[in-house]
Amino acid sequence: MMVGSEGVLGVFTEITLRLRPLPRRTITFLAFFDKTTAATDAVFEIVRNGLEPAAIEYLDQRVIKAMSEYKGLGLPNADALILLEMHGIDDHVIDMNERNVEEFW
């Protein structure tokens, strides 16, 4: 709410910043879906089951097609794509992978 209010809604008098170390390991998953609702359900299940992704990106059919054509990627014709990125130390990311993220797709 404060972003863009230009000081009208209030003034910050103290800010605490917590820094985290850079991740030593990153794993990225791509999942293609025939239905948009299946993609959104997968995101819900990932979060509900305690996985803590560093990033979740949703792409619809038009964006998938445009990106595939522009970069010549040959991506499948899908209604939706979810990109999921996990960060952490080696053991933590490997443990998350062993929890079988694919079960949510």
PDB file of N, CA and C in Angstrom:
ATOM      1  N   MET A   1       0.811  -1.175   0.000  1.00  0.00           N
ATOM      2  CA  MET A   1       0.000   0.000   0.000  1.00  0.00           C
ATOM      3  C   MET A   1       0.866   1.256   0.000  1.00  0.00           C
ATOM      4  N   MET A   2       2.034   1.159   0.599  1.00  0.00           N
ATOM      5  CA  MET A   2       2.905   2.323   0.679  1.00  0.00           C
ATOM      6  C   MET A   2       3.589   2.626  -0.649  1.00  0.00           C
ATOM      7  N   VAL A   3       3.789   1.597  -1.467  1.00  0.00           N
ATOM      8  CA  VAL A   3       4.462   1.803  -2.739  1.00  0.00           C
ATOM      9  C   VAL A   3       3.592   2.685  -3.626  1.00  0.00           C
ATOM     10  N   GLY A   4       4.153   3.756  -4.120  1.00  0.00           N
ATOM     11  CA  GLY A   4       3.426   4.648  -5.003  1.00  0.00           C
ATOM     12  C   GLY A   4       2.595   5.694  -4.293  1.00  0.00           C
ATOM     13  N   SER A   5       2.563   5.681  -2.955  1.00  0.00           N
ATOM     14  CA  SER A   5       1.741   6.658  -2.239  1.00  0.00           C
ATOM     15  C   SER A   5       2.460   7.992  -2.051  1.00  0.00           C
ATOM     16  N   GLU A   6       3.760   8.028  -2.364  1.00  0.00           N
ATOM     17  CA  GLU A   6       4.565   9.250  -2.300  1.00  0.00           C
ATOM     18  C   GLU A   6       4.470   9.940  -0.943  1.00  0.00           C
ATOM     19  N   GLY A   7       4.413   9.147   0.127  1.00  0.00           N
ATOM     20  CA  GLY A   7       4.405   9.705   1.474  1.00  0.00           C
ATOM     21  C   GLY A   7       3.050  10.146   1.974  1.00  0.00           C
ATOM     22  N   VAL A   8       2.007   9.987   1.181  1.00  0.00           N
ATOM     23  CA  VAL A   8       0.672  10.432   1.576  1.00  0.00           C
ATOM     24  C   VAL A   8       0.091   9.524   2.661  1.00  0.00           C
ATOM     25  N   LEU A   9       0.347   8.230   2.595  1.00  0.00           N
ATOM     26  CA  LEU A   9      -0.240   7.276   3.530  1.00  0.00           C
ATOM     27  C   LEU A   9       0.572   7.097   4.804  1.00  0.00           C
ATOM     28  N   GLY A  10       1.793   7.570   4.818  1.00  0.00           N
ATOM     29  CA  GLY A  10       2.626   7.416   6.002  1.00  0.00           C
ATOM     30  C   GLY A  10       4.086   7.585   5.673  1.00  0.00           C
ATOM     31  N   VAL A  11       4.910   7.468   6.710  1.00  0.00           N
ATOM     32  CA  VAL A  11       6.353   7.634   6.566  1.00  0.00           C
ATOM     33  C   VAL A  11       7.033   6.470   7.279  1.00  0.00           C
ATOM     34  N   PHE A  12       8.010   5.869   6.622  1.00  0.00           N
ATOM     35  CA  PHE A  12       8.802   4.818   7.266  1.00  0.00           C
ATOM     36  C   PHE A  12       9.797   5.476   8.208  1.00  0.00           C
ATOM     37  N   THR A  13       9.799   5.065   9.459  1.00  0.00           N
ATOM     38  CA  THR A  13      10.759   5.615  10.416  1.00  0.00           C
ATOM     39  C   THR A  13      11.871   4.633  10.731  1.00  0.00           C
ATOM     40  N   GLU A  14      11.635   3.359  10.456  1.00  0.00           N
ATOM     41  CA  GLU A  14      12.656   2.343  10.695  1.00  0.00           C
ATOM     42  C   GLU A  14      12.392   1.177   9.756  1.00  0.00           C
ATOM     43  N   ILE A  15      13.450   0.660   9.169  1.00  0.00           N
ATOM     44  CA  ILE A  15      13.333  -0.491   8.271  1.00  0.00           C
ATOM     45  C   ILE A  15      14.392  -1.503   8.662  1.00  0.00           C
ATOM     46  N   THR A  16      13.993  -2.749   8.810  1.00  0.00           N
ATOM     47  CA  THR A  16      14.922  -3.834   9.103  1.00  0.00           C
ATOM     48  C   THR A  16      15.070  -4.675   7.847  1.00  0.00           C
ATOM     49  N   LEU A  17      16.297  -4.899   7.446  1.00  0.00           N
ATOM     50  CA  LEU A  17      16.589  -5.659   6.240  1.00  0.00           C
ATOM     51  C   LEU A  17      17.294  -6.949   6.620  1.00  0.00           C
ATOM     52  N   ARG A  18      16.766  -8.060   6.156  1.00  0.00           N
ATOM     53  CA  ARG A  18      17.375  -9.355   6.421  1.00  0.00           C
ATOM     54  C   ARG A  18      17.962  -9.875   5.120  1.00  0.00           C
ATOM     55  N   LEU A  19      19.243 -10.130   5.099  1.00  0.00           N
ATOM     56  CA  LEU A  19      19.917 -10.643   3.905  1.00  0.00           C
ATOM     57  C   LEU A  19      20.101 -12.143   4.022  1.00  0.00           C
ATOM     58  N   ARG A  20      19.917 -12.815   2.921  1.00  0.00           N
ATOM     59  CA  ARG A  20      20.134 -14.258   2.872  1.00  0.00           C
ATOM     60  C   ARG A  20      21.332 -14.535   1.972  1.00  0.00           C
ATOM     61  N   PRO A  21      22.091 -15.581   2.285  1.00  0.00           N
ATOM     62  CA  PRO A  21      23.233 -15.902   1.406  1.00  0.00           C
ATOM     63  C   PRO A  21      22.745 -16.368   0.037  1.00  0.00           C
ATOM     64  N   LEU A  22      23.591 -16.195  -0.965  1.00  0.00           N
ATOM     65  CA  LEU A  22      23.261 -16.685  -2.293  1.00  0.00           C
ATOM     66  C   LEU A  22      23.125 -18.200  -2.269  1.00  0.00           C
ATOM     67  N   PRO A  23      22.172 -18.749  -3.022  1.00  0.00           N
ATOM     68  CA  PRO A  23      22.007 -20.204  -3.025  1.00  0.00           C
ATOM     69  C   PRO A  23      23.201 -20.882  -3.689  1.00  0.00           C
ATOM     70  N   ARG A  24      23.553 -22.049  -3.158  1.00  0.00           N
ATOM     71  CA  ARG A  24      24.636 -22.826  -3.762  1.00  0.00           C
ATOM     72  C   ARG A  24      24.120 -23.761  -4.836  1.00  0.00           C
ATOM     73  N   ARG A  25      22.821 -23.965  -4.861  1.00  0.00           N
ATOM     74  CA  ARG A  25      22.245 -24.915  -5.812  1.00  0.00           C
ATOM     75  C   ARG A  25      20.915 -24.391  -6.318  1.00  0.00           C
ATOM     76  N   THR A  26      20.660 -24.541  -7.594  1.00  0.00           N
ATOM     77  CA  THR A  26      19.398 -24.150  -8.206  1.00  0.00           C
ATOM     78  C   THR A  26      18.913 -25.277  -9.107  1.00  0.00           C
ATOM     79  N   ILE A  27      17.651 -25.611  -8.978  1.00  0.00           N
ATOM     80  CA  ILE A  27      17.034 -26.611  -9.850  1.00  0.00           C
ATOM     81  C   ILE A  27      15.795 -25.960 -10.464  1.00  0.00           C
ATOM     82  N   THR A  28      15.638 -26.097 -11.765  1.00  0.00           N
ATOM     83  CA  THR A  28      14.498 -25.526 -12.462  1.00  0.00           C
ATOM     84  C   THR A  28      13.684 -26.635 -13.103  1.00  0.00           C
ATOM     85  N   PHE A  29      12.381 -26.590 -12.909  1.00  0.00           N
ATOM     86  CA  PHE A  29      11.451 -27.561 -13.482  1.00  0.00           C
ATOM     87  C   PHE A  29      10.538 -26.840 -14.465  1.00  0.00           C
ATOM     88  N   LEU A  30      10.223 -27.496 -15.573  1.00  0.00           N
ATOM     89  CA  LEU A  30       9.221 -27.011 -16.519  1.00  0.00           C
ATOM     90  C   LEU A  30       8.116 -28.052 -16.596  1.00  0.00           C
ATOM     91  N   ALA A  31       6.885 -27.594 -16.564  1.00  0.00           N
ATOM     92  CA  ALA A  31       5.757 -28.513 -16.692  1.00  0.00           C
ATOM     93  C   ALA A  31       4.743 -27.916 -17.659  1.00  0.00           C
ATOM     94  N   PHE A  32       4.329 -28.702 -18.629  1.00  0.00           N
ATOM     95  CA  PHE A  32       3.345 -28.270 -19.617  1.00  0.00           C
ATOM     96  C   PHE A  32       2.000 -28.896 -19.267  1.00  0.00           C
ATOM     97  N   PHE A  33       0.921 -28.124 -19.463  1.00  0.00           N
ATOM     98  CA  PHE A  33      -0.417 -28.578 -19.095  1.00  0.00           C
ATOM     99  C   PHE A  33      -1.380 -28.403 -20.260  1.00  0.00           C
ATOM    100  N   ASP A  34      -2.322 -29.351 -20.376  1.00  0.00           N
ATOM    101  CA  ASP A  34      -3.351 -29.273 -21.406  1.00  0.00           C
ATOM    102  C   ASP A  34      -4.467 -28.300 -21.025  1.00  0.00           C
ATOM    103  N   LYS A  35      -4.589 -28.018 -19.728  1.00  0.00           N
ATOM    104  CA  LYS A  35      -5.632 -27.105 -19.251  1.00  0.00           C
ATOM    105  C   LYS A  35      -5.028 -26.102 -18.268  1.00  0.00           C
ATOM    106  N   THR A  36      -5.494 -24.868 -18.350  1.00  0.00           N
ATOM    107  CA  THR A  36      -5.031 -23.819 -17.433  1.00  0.00           C
ATOM    108  C   THR A  36      -5.354 -24.178 -15.991  1.00  0.00           C
ATOM    109  N   THR A  37      -6.517 -24.747 -15.759  1.00  0.00           N
ATOM    110  CA  THR A  37      -6.903 -25.100 -14.386  1.00  0.00           C
ATOM    111  C   THR A  37      -5.965 -26.143 -13.794  1.00  0.00           C
ATOM    112  N   ALA A  38      -5.450 -27.034 -14.613  1.00  0.00           N
ATOM    113  CA  ALA A  38      -4.493 -28.033 -14.116  1.00  0.00           C
ATOM    114  C   ALA A  38      -3.200 -27.356 -13.658  1.00  0.00           C
ATOM    115  N   ALA A  39      -2.776 -26.325 -14.384  1.00  0.00           N
ATOM    116  CA  ALA A  39      -1.564 -25.585 -14.003  1.00  0.00           C
ATOM    117  C   ALA A  39      -1.772 -24.852 -12.690  1.00  0.00           C
ATOM    118  N   THR A  40      -2.899 -24.171 -12.557  1.00  0.00           N
ATOM    119  CA  THR A  40      -3.144 -23.444 -11.306  1.00  0.00           C
ATOM    120  C   THR A  40      -3.335 -24.400 -10.135  1.00  0.00           C
ATOM    121  N   ASP A  41      -3.949 -25.545 -10.374  1.00  0.00           N
ATOM    122  CA  ASP A  41      -4.086 -26.559  -9.321  1.00  0.00           C
ATOM    123  C   ASP A  41      -2.720 -27.075  -8.879  1.00  0.00           C
ATOM    124  N   ALA A  42      -1.804 -27.247  -9.823  1.00  0.00           N
ATOM    125  CA  ALA A  42      -0.454 -27.721  -9.496  1.00  0.00           C
ATOM    126  C   ALA A  42       0.274 -26.718  -8.605  1.00  0.00           C
ATOM    127  N   VAL A  43       0.160 -25.439  -8.917  1.00  0.00           N
ATOM    128  CA  VAL A  43       0.789 -24.404  -8.092  1.00  0.00           C
ATOM    129  C   VAL A  43       0.206 -24.437  -6.686  1.00  0.00           C
ATOM    130  N   PHE A  44      -1.104 -24.555  -6.584  1.00  0.00           N
ATOM    131  CA  PHE A  44      -1.749 -24.638  -5.275  1.00  0.00           C
ATOM    132  C   PHE A  44      -1.218 -25.820  -4.477  1.00  0.00           C
ATOM    133  N   GLU A  45      -1.106 -26.982  -5.108  1.00  0.00           N
ATOM    134  CA  GLU A  45      -0.632 -28.186  -4.420  1.00  0.00           C
ATOM    135  C   GLU A  45       0.827 -28.057  -3.991  1.00  0.00           C
ATOM    136  N   ILE A  46       1.653 -27.436  -4.813  1.00  0.00           N
ATOM    137  CA  ILE A  46       3.061 -27.236  -4.467  1.00  0.00           C
ATOM    138  C   ILE A  46       3.176 -26.419  -3.187  1.00  0.00           C
ATOM    139  N   VAL A  47       2.467 -25.319  -3.132  1.00  0.00           N
ATOM    140  CA  VAL A  47       2.520 -24.445  -1.958  1.00  0.00           C
ATOM    141  C   VAL A  47       1.858 -25.122  -0.757  1.00  0.00           C
ATOM    142  N   ARG A  48       0.728 -25.780  -0.968  1.00  0.00           N
ATOM    143  CA  ARG A  48       0.002 -26.447   0.115  1.00  0.00           C
ATOM    144  C   ARG A  48       0.826 -27.553   0.768  1.00  0.00           C
ATOM    145  N   ASN A  49       1.678 -28.207  -0.025  1.00  0.00           N
ATOM    146  CA  ASN A  49       2.475 -29.314   0.493  1.00  0.00           C
ATOM    147  C   ASN A  49       3.821 -28.880   1.071  1.00  0.00           C
ATOM    148  N   GLY A  50       4.014 -27.594   1.247  1.00  0.00           N
ATOM    149  CA  GLY A  50       5.187 -27.117   1.965  1.00  0.00           C
ATOM    150  C   GLY A  50       6.434 -26.874   1.153  1.00  0.00           C
ATOM    151  N   LEU A  51       6.385 -27.054  -0.157  1.00  0.00           N
ATOM    152  CA  LEU A  51       7.553 -26.714  -0.960  1.00  0.00           C
ATOM    153  C   LEU A  51       7.671 -25.193  -1.002  1.00  0.00           C
ATOM    154  N   GLU A  52       8.900 -24.696  -0.957  1.00  0.00           N
ATOM    155  CA  GLU A  52       9.128 -23.254  -0.948  1.00  0.00           C
ATOM    156  C   GLU A  52       9.934 -22.850  -2.175  1.00  0.00           C
ATOM    157  N   PRO A  53       9.267 -22.700  -3.312  1.00  0.00           N
ATOM    158  CA  PRO A  53       9.995 -22.335  -4.526  1.00  0.00           C
ATOM    159  C   PRO A  53      10.512 -20.902  -4.457  1.00  0.00           C
ATOM    160  N   ALA A  54      11.662 -20.687  -5.086  1.00  0.00           N
ATOM    161  CA  ALA A  54      12.209 -19.337  -5.189  1.00  0.00           C
ATOM    162  C   ALA A  54      11.441 -18.550  -6.242  1.00  0.00           C
ATOM    163  N   ALA A  55      10.903 -19.247  -7.231  1.00  0.00           N
ATOM    164  CA  ALA A  55      10.137 -18.586  -8.287  1.00  0.00           C
ATOM    165  C   ALA A  55       9.134 -19.556  -8.884  1.00  0.00           C
ATOM    166  N   ILE A  56       7.956 -19.027  -9.201  1.00  0.00           N
ATOM    167  CA  ILE A  56       6.948 -19.762  -9.948  1.00  0.00           C
ATOM    168  C   ILE A  56       6.501 -18.831 -11.069  1.00  0.00           C
ATOM    169  N   GLU A  57       6.602 -19.302 -12.284  1.00  0.00           N
ATOM    170  CA  GLU A  57       6.227 -18.485 -13.438  1.00  0.00           C
ATOM    171  C   GLU A  57       5.161 -19.224 -14.233  1.00  0.00           C
ATOM    172  N   TYR A  58       4.094 -18.528 -14.558  1.00  0.00           N
ATOM    173  CA  TYR A  58       3.009 -19.085 -15.361  1.00  0.00           C
ATOM    174  C   TYR A  58       3.045 -18.459 -16.749  1.00  0.00           C
ATOM    175  N   LEU A  59       2.965 -19.288 -17.788  1.00  0.00           N
ATOM    176  CA  LEU A  59       2.905 -18.792 -19.163  1.00  0.00           C
ATOM    177  C   LEU A  59       1.679 -19.406 -19.833  1.00  0.00           C
ATOM    178  N   ASP A  60       0.902 -18.579 -20.519  1.00  0.00           N
ATOM    179  CA  ASP A  60      -0.271 -19.106 -21.218  1.00  0.00           C
ATOM    180  C   ASP A  60       0.107 -19.553 -22.633  1.00  0.00           C
ATOM    181  N   GLN A  61      -0.862 -20.099 -23.331  1.00  0.00           N
ATOM    182  CA  GLN A  61      -0.624 -20.700 -24.645  1.00  0.00           C
ATOM    183  C   GLN A  61      -0.028 -19.702 -25.643  1.00  0.00           C
ATOM    184  N   ARG A  62      -0.519 -18.473 -25.651  1.00  0.00           N
ATOM    185  CA  ARG A  62      -0.004 -17.471 -26.593  1.00  0.00           C
ATOM    186  C   ARG A  62       1.456 -17.141 -26.327  1.00  0.00           C
ATOM    187  N   VAL A  63       1.816 -17.019 -25.074  1.00  0.00           N
ATOM    188  CA  VAL A  63       3.205 -16.700 -24.736  1.00  0.00           C
ATOM    189  C   VAL A  63       4.118 -17.879 -25.044  1.00  0.00           C
ATOM    190  N   ILE A  64       3.672 -19.081 -24.750  1.00  0.00           N
ATOM    191  CA  ILE A  64       4.464 -20.278 -25.052  1.00  0.00           C
ATOM    192  C   ILE A  64       4.744 -20.350 -26.554  1.00  0.00           C
ATOM    193  N   LYS A  65       3.705 -20.151 -27.352  1.00  0.00           N
ATOM    194  CA  LYS A  65       3.856 -20.214 -28.807  1.00  0.00           C
ATOM    195  C   LYS A  65       4.789 -19.122 -29.314  1.00  0.00           C
ATOM    196  N   ALA A  66       4.600 -17.884 -28.841  1.00  0.00           N
ATOM    197  CA  ALA A  66       5.439 -16.768 -29.286  1.00  0.00           C
ATOM    198  C   ALA A  66       6.902 -16.985 -28.905  1.00  0.00           C
ATOM    199  N   MET A  67       7.136 -17.435 -27.697  1.00  0.00           N
ATOM    200  CA  MET A  67       8.497 -17.673 -27.227  1.00  0.00           C
ATOM    201  C   MET A  67       9.152 -18.806 -28.017  1.00  0.00           C
ATOM    202  N   SER A  68       8.390 -19.868 -28.252  1.00  0.00           N
ATOM    203  CA  SER A  68       8.913 -21.013 -28.984  1.00  0.00           C
ATOM    204  C   SER A  68       9.276 -20.627 -30.416  1.00  0.00           C
ATOM    205  N   GLU A  69       8.418 -19.851 -31.067  1.00  0.00           N
ATOM    206  CA  GLU A  69       8.685 -19.428 -32.444  1.00  0.00           C
ATOM    207  C   GLU A  69       9.855 -18.443 -32.510  1.00  0.00           C
ATOM    208  N   TYR A  70       9.891 -17.496 -31.602  1.00  0.00           N
ATOM    209  CA  TYR A  70      10.929 -16.465 -31.618  1.00  0.00           C
ATOM    210  C   TYR A  70      12.322 -17.050 -31.380  1.00  0.00           C
ATOM    211  N   LYS A  71      12.413 -17.966 -30.412  1.00  0.00           N
ATOM    212  CA  LYS A  71      13.707 -18.561 -30.072  1.00  0.00           C
ATOM    213  C   LYS A  71      13.960 -19.901 -30.744  1.00  0.00           C
ATOM    214  N   GLY A  72      12.976 -20.425 -31.490  1.00  0.00           N
ATOM    215  CA  GLY A  72      13.144 -21.717 -32.156  1.00  0.00           C
ATOM    216  C   GLY A  72      13.311 -22.861 -31.173  1.00  0.00           C
ATOM    217  N   LEU A  73      12.534 -22.853 -30.111  1.00  0.00           N
ATOM    218  CA  LEU A  73      12.690 -23.848 -29.041  1.00  0.00           C
ATOM    219  C   LEU A  73      11.963 -25.158 -29.309  1.00  0.00           C
ATOM    220  N   GLY A  74      10.950 -25.136 -30.143  1.00  0.00           N
ATOM    221  CA  GLY A  74      10.192 -26.351 -30.401  1.00  0.00           C
ATOM    222  C   GLY A  74       9.412 -26.839 -29.198  1.00  0.00           C
ATOM    223  N   LEU A  75       8.856 -25.914 -28.423  1.00  0.00           N
ATOM    224  CA  LEU A  75       8.081 -26.289 -27.239  1.00  0.00           C
ATOM    225  C   LEU A  75       6.776 -26.953 -27.655  1.00  0.00           C
ATOM    226  N   PRO A  76       6.261 -27.848 -26.817  1.00  0.00           N
ATOM    227  CA  PRO A  76       5.001 -28.513 -27.148  1.00  0.00           C
ATOM    228  C   PRO A  76       3.836 -27.514 -27.195  1.00  0.00           C
ATOM    229  N   ASN A  77       2.804 -27.884 -27.921  1.00  0.00           N
ATOM    230  CA  ASN A  77       1.595 -27.065 -27.987  1.00  0.00           C
ATOM    231  C   ASN A  77       0.777 -27.346 -26.728  1.00  0.00           C
ATOM    232  N   ALA A  78       0.931 -26.506 -25.730  1.00  0.00           N
ATOM    233  CA  ALA A  78       0.251 -26.697 -24.442  1.00  0.00           C
ATOM    234  C   ALA A  78      -0.576 -25.471 -24.120  1.00  0.00           C
ATOM    235  N   ASP A  79      -1.567 -25.652 -23.267  1.00  0.00           N
ATOM    236  CA  ASP A  79      -2.423 -24.546 -22.857  1.00  0.00           C
ATOM    237  C   ASP A  79      -1.734 -23.677 -21.803  1.00  0.00           C
ATOM    238  N   ALA A  80      -0.834 -24.279 -21.025  1.00  0.00           N
ATOM    239  CA  ALA A  80      -0.149 -23.550 -19.956  1.00  0.00           C
ATOM    240  C   ALA A  80       1.200 -24.184 -19.663  1.00  0.00           C
ATOM    241  N   LEU A  81       2.081 -23.371 -19.134  1.00  0.00           N
ATOM    242  CA  LEU A  81       3.414 -23.818 -18.723  1.00  0.00           C
ATOM    243  C   LEU A  81       3.696 -23.230 -17.354  1.00  0.00           C
ATOM    244  N   ILE A  82       4.223 -24.049 -16.475  1.00  0.00           N
ATOM    245  CA  ILE A  82       4.677 -23.582 -15.167  1.00  0.00           C
ATOM    246  C   ILE A  82       6.178 -23.821 -15.094  1.00  0.00           C
ATOM    247  N   LEU A  83       6.915 -22.770 -14.766  1.00  0.00           N
ATOM    248  CA  LEU A  83       8.346 -22.872 -14.502  1.00  0.00           C
ATOM    249  C   LEU A  83       8.500 -22.730 -12.997  1.00  0.00           C
ATOM    250  N   LEU A  84       9.161 -23.682 -12.381  1.00  0.00           N
ATOM    251  CA  LEU A  84       9.357 -23.702 -10.941  1.00  0.00           C
ATOM    252  C   LEU A  84      10.841 -23.745 -10.661  1.00  0.00           C
ATOM    253  N   GLU A  85      11.334 -22.813  -9.863  1.00  0.00           N
ATOM    254  CA  GLU A  85      12.756 -22.774  -9.540  1.00  0.00           C
ATOM    255  C   GLU A  85      12.943 -22.928  -8.037  1.00  0.00           C
ATOM    256  N   MET A  86      13.826 -23.838  -7.668  1.00  0.00           N
ATOM    257  CA  MET A  86      14.126 -24.103  -6.260  1.00  0.00           C
ATOM    258  C   MET A  86      15.571 -23.694  -5.990  1.00  0.00           C
ATOM    259  N   HIS A  87      15.793 -22.989  -4.881  1.00  0.00           N
ATOM    260  CA  HIS A  87      17.128 -22.567  -4.465  1.00  0.00           C
ATOM    261  C   HIS A  87      17.440 -23.147  -3.099  1.00  0.00           C
ATOM    262  N   GLY A  88      18.723 -23.231  -2.788  1.00  0.00           N
ATOM    263  CA  GLY A  88      19.125 -23.642  -1.450  1.00  0.00           C
ATOM    264  C   GLY A  88      20.515 -24.217  -1.439  1.00  0.00           C
ATOM    265  N   ILE A  89      20.858 -24.758  -0.275  1.00  0.00           N
ATOM    266  CA  ILE A  89      22.124 -25.460  -0.181  1.00  0.00           C
ATOM    267  C   ILE A  89      21.940 -26.832  -0.819  1.00  0.00           C
ATOM    268  N   ASP A  90      23.029 -27.484  -1.160  1.00  0.00           N
ATOM    269  CA  ASP A  90      22.961 -28.740  -1.919  1.00  0.00           C
ATOM    270  C   ASP A  90      21.987 -29.753  -1.330  1.00  0.00           C
ATOM    271  N   ASP A  91      22.143 -30.079  -0.047  1.00  0.00           N
ATOM    272  CA  ASP A  91      21.310 -31.112   0.566  1.00  0.00           C
ATOM    273  C   ASP A  91      19.835 -30.711   0.572  1.00  0.00           C
ATOM    274  N   HIS A  92      19.567 -29.444   0.814  1.00  0.00           N
ATOM    275  CA  HIS A  92      18.185 -28.969   0.878  1.00  0.00           C
ATOM    276  C   HIS A  92      17.492 -29.079  -0.472  1.00  0.00           C
ATOM    277  N   VAL A  93      18.166 -28.659  -1.531  1.00  0.00           N
ATOM    278  CA  VAL A  93      17.572 -28.713  -2.869  1.00  0.00           C
ATOM    279  C   VAL A  93      17.421 -30.156  -3.326  1.00  0.00           C
ATOM    280  N   ILE A  94      18.394 -30.981  -3.031  1.00  0.00           N
ATOM    281  CA  ILE A  94      18.305 -32.401  -3.393  1.00  0.00           C
ATOM    282  C   ILE A  94      17.143 -33.047  -2.658  1.00  0.00           C
ATOM    283  N   ASP A  95      16.948 -32.692  -1.371  1.00  0.00           N
ATOM    284  CA  ASP A  95      15.837 -33.220  -0.587  1.00  0.00           C
ATOM    285  C   ASP A  95      14.509 -32.791  -1.197  1.00  0.00           C
ATOM    286  N   MET A  96      14.400 -31.530  -1.637  1.00  0.00           N
ATOM    287  CA  MET A  96      13.170 -31.058  -2.262  1.00  0.00           C
ATOM    288  C   MET A  96      12.902 -31.823  -3.550  1.00  0.00           C
ATOM    289  N   ASN A  97      13.962 -32.112  -4.302  1.00  0.00           N
ATOM    290  CA  ASN A  97      13.820 -32.857  -5.543  1.00  0.00           C
ATOM    291  C   ASN A  97      13.367 -34.284  -5.250  1.00  0.00           C
ATOM    292  N   GLU A  98      13.892 -34.869  -4.186  1.00  0.00           N
ATOM    293  CA  GLU A  98      13.521 -36.237  -3.829  1.00  0.00           C
ATOM    294  C   GLU A  98      12.079 -36.327  -3.342  1.00  0.00           C
ATOM    295  N   ARG A  99      11.502 -35.187  -2.926  1.00  0.00           N
ATOM    296  CA  ARG A  99      10.084 -35.174  -2.545  1.00  0.00           C
ATOM    297  C   ARG A  99       9.211 -35.317  -3.778  1.00  0.00           C
ATOM    298  N   ASN A 100       9.888 -35.395  -4.934  1.00  0.00           N
ATOM    299  CA  ASN A 100       9.228 -35.664  -6.207  1.00  0.00           C
ATOM    300  C   ASN A 100       8.248 -34.558  -6.594  1.00  0.00           C
ATOM    301  N   VAL A 101       8.820 -33.434  -6.982  1.00  0.00           N
ATOM    302  CA  VAL A 101       8.018 -32.303  -7.430  1.00  0.00           C
ATOM    303  C   VAL A 101       7.107 -32.718  -8.577  1.00  0.00           C
ATOM    304  N   GLU A 102       7.549 -33.677  -9.390  1.00  0.00           N
ATOM    305  CA  GLU A 102       6.748 -34.099 -10.534  1.00  0.00           C
ATOM    306  C   GLU A 102       5.375 -34.630 -10.134  1.00  0.00           C
ATOM    307  N   GLU A 103       5.207 -35.091  -8.895  1.00  0.00           N
ATOM    308  CA  GLU A 103       3.910 -35.610  -8.488  1.00  0.00           C
ATOM    309  C   GLU A 103       2.843 -34.522  -8.516  1.00  0.00           C
ATOM    310  N   PHE A 104       3.243 -33.265  -8.470  1.00  0.00           N
ATOM    311  CA  PHE A 104       2.279 -32.177  -8.500  1.00  0.00           C
ATOM    312  C   PHE A 104       1.846 -31.831  -9.910  1.00  0.00           C
ATOM    313  N   TRP A 105       2.569 -32.292 -10.906  1.00  0.00           N
ATOM    314  CA  TRP A 105       2.221 -31.989 -12.282  1.00  0.00           C
ATOM    315  C   TRP A 105       1.120 -32.929 -12.647  1.00  0.00           C
TER     316      TRP A 105
END
